[in-house]
Amino acid sequence: MEFFFFFFQRLDIIKDLYDMLQNELTIQHGYKLEWIVIYLICIEVLIDIVWTIIIKGVFKWVLIYHIKN
């Protein structure tokens, strides 16, 4: 009977360790997803800056040049 008690006690310890490792992997995956979202937001901001400042500015100067000529 003692054998079964220790056996199930060891199984509980192994299950707890597995749950802890699974939780750690889930947290690490969440961190990776957070960084991906941060990078995507930065890329979106850079694209918006490029579009607003450079491309619209170039189109504005082209339109002014064509209106004058």
C-alpha atoms as a PDB file:
ATOM      1  CA  MET A   1       0.000   0.000   0.000  1.00  0.00           C
ATOM      2  CA  GLU A   2       2.890   2.318   0.777  1.00  0.00           C
ATOM      3  CA  PHE A   3       4.209   1.755  -2.727  1.00  0.00           C
ATOM      4  CA  PHE A   4       1.024   3.146  -4.275  1.00  0.00           C
ATOM      5  CA  PHE A   5       1.080   6.143  -1.968  1.00  0.00           C
ATOM      6  CA  PHE A   6       4.634   7.059  -3.018  1.00  0.00           C
ATOM      7  CA  PHE A   7       3.876   6.255  -6.640  1.00  0.00           C
ATOM      8  CA  PHE A   8       0.893   8.621  -6.749  1.00  0.00           C
ATOM      9  CA  GLN A   9       2.833  11.213  -4.797  1.00  0.00           C
ATOM     10  CA  ARG A  10       5.571  11.097  -7.441  1.00  0.00           C
ATOM     11  CA  LEU A  11       2.973  11.328 -10.194  1.00  0.00           C
ATOM     12  CA  ASP A  12       1.525  14.438  -8.555  1.00  0.00           C
ATOM     13  CA  ILE A  13       4.984  16.003  -8.403  1.00  0.00           C
ATOM     14  CA  ILE A  14       5.603  15.198 -12.073  1.00  0.00           C
ATOM     15  CA  LYS A  15       2.197  16.637 -13.005  1.00  0.00           C
ATOM     16  CA  ASP A  16       2.951  19.833 -11.068  1.00  0.00           C
ATOM     17  CA  LEU A  17       6.317  20.174 -12.815  1.00  0.00           C
ATOM     18  CA  TYR A  18       4.685  19.603 -16.195  1.00  0.00           C
ATOM     19  CA  ASP A  19       2.030  22.225 -15.465  1.00  0.00           C
ATOM     20  CA  MET A  20       4.710  24.693 -14.370  1.00  0.00           C
ATOM     21  CA  LEU A  21       6.752  24.138 -17.548  1.00  0.00           C
ATOM     22  CA  GLN A  22       3.646  24.392 -19.719  1.00  0.00           C
ATOM     23  CA  ASN A  23       2.742  27.680 -18.042  1.00  0.00           C
ATOM     24  CA  GLU A  24       6.267  29.013 -18.640  1.00  0.00           C
ATOM     25  CA  LEU A  25       6.074  28.107 -22.329  1.00  0.00           C
ATOM     26  CA  THR A  26       2.715  29.844 -22.623  1.00  0.00           C
ATOM     27  CA  ILE A  27       4.145  32.990 -21.026  1.00  0.00           C
ATOM     28  CA  GLN A  28       7.179  32.963 -23.351  1.00  0.00           C
ATOM     29  CA  HIS A  29       4.896  32.557 -26.370  1.00  0.00           C
ATOM     30  CA  GLY A  30       2.858  35.516 -25.140  1.00  0.00           C
ATOM     31  CA  TYR A  31       6.007  37.636 -24.881  1.00  0.00           C
ATOM     32  CA  LYS A  32       6.941  36.770 -28.459  1.00  0.00           C
ATOM     33  CA  LEU A  33       3.487  37.768 -29.662  1.00  0.00           C
ATOM     34  CA  GLU A  34       3.715  41.059 -27.757  1.00  0.00           C
ATOM     35  CA  TRP A  35       7.014  41.889 -29.463  1.00  0.00           C
ATOM     36  CA  ILE A  36       5.579  40.993 -32.862  1.00  0.00           C
ATOM     37  CA  VAL A  37       2.694  43.400 -32.245  1.00  0.00           C
ATOM     38  CA  ILE A  38       5.127  46.129 -31.131  1.00  0.00           C
ATOM     39  CA  TYR A  39       7.233  45.652 -34.291  1.00  0.00           C
ATOM     40  CA  LEU A  40       4.142  45.765 -36.496  1.00  0.00           C
ATOM     41  CA  ILE A  41       2.976  48.992 -34.853  1.00  0.00           C
ATOM     42  CA  CYS A  42       6.433  50.532 -35.399  1.00  0.00           C
ATOM     43  CA  ILE A  43       6.383  49.505 -39.052  1.00  0.00           C
ATOM     44  CA  GLU A  44       2.912  51.000 -39.456  1.00  0.00           C
ATOM     45  CA  VAL A  45       4.068  54.287 -37.906  1.00  0.00           C
ATOM     46  CA  LEU A  46       7.136  54.398 -40.170  1.00  0.00           C
ATOM     47  CA  ILE A  47       5.018  53.750 -43.255  1.00  0.00           C
ATOM     48  CA  ASP A  48       2.615  56.508 -42.204  1.00  0.00           C
ATOM     49  CA  ILE A  49       5.500  58.928 -41.633  1.00  0.00           C
ATOM     50  CA  VAL A  50       7.019  58.103 -45.013  1.00  0.00           C
ATOM     51  CA  TRP A  51       3.651  58.495 -46.729  1.00  0.00           C
ATOM     52  CA  THR A  52       2.764  61.747 -44.975  1.00  0.00           C
ATOM     53  CA  ILE A  53       6.087  63.541 -45.161  1.00  0.00           C
ATOM     54  CA  ILE A  54       7.860  62.241 -48.228  1.00  0.00           C
ATOM     55  CA  ILE A  55       5.261  61.074 -50.716  1.00  0.00           C
ATOM     56  CA  LYS A  56       2.612  63.725 -50.018  1.00  0.00           C
ATOM     57  CA  GLY A  57       5.353  66.359 -49.956  1.00  0.00           C
ATOM     58  CA  VAL A  58       6.657  65.234 -53.339  1.00  0.00           C
ATOM     59  CA  PHE A  59       3.146  65.228 -54.812  1.00  0.00           C
ATOM     60  CA  LYS A  60       2.567  68.704 -53.393  1.00  0.00           C
ATOM     61  CA  TRP A  61       5.725  70.065 -55.041  1.00  0.00           C
ATOM     62  CA  VAL A  62       4.866  68.345 -58.322  1.00  0.00           C
ATOM     63  CA  LEU A  63       1.393  69.898 -58.291  1.00  0.00           C
ATOM     64  CA  ILE A  64       2.810  73.346 -57.485  1.00  0.00           C
ATOM     65  CA  TYR A  65       5.334  72.961 -60.332  1.00  0.00           C
ATOM     66  CA  HIS A  66       2.616  71.949 -62.819  1.00  0.00           C
ATOM     67  CA  ILE A  67       0.282  74.756 -61.733  1.00  0.00           C
ATOM     68  CA  LYS A  68       3.018  77.374 -62.228  1.00  0.00           C
ATOM     69  CA  ASN A  69       3.908  76.032 -65.683  1.00  0.00           C
END
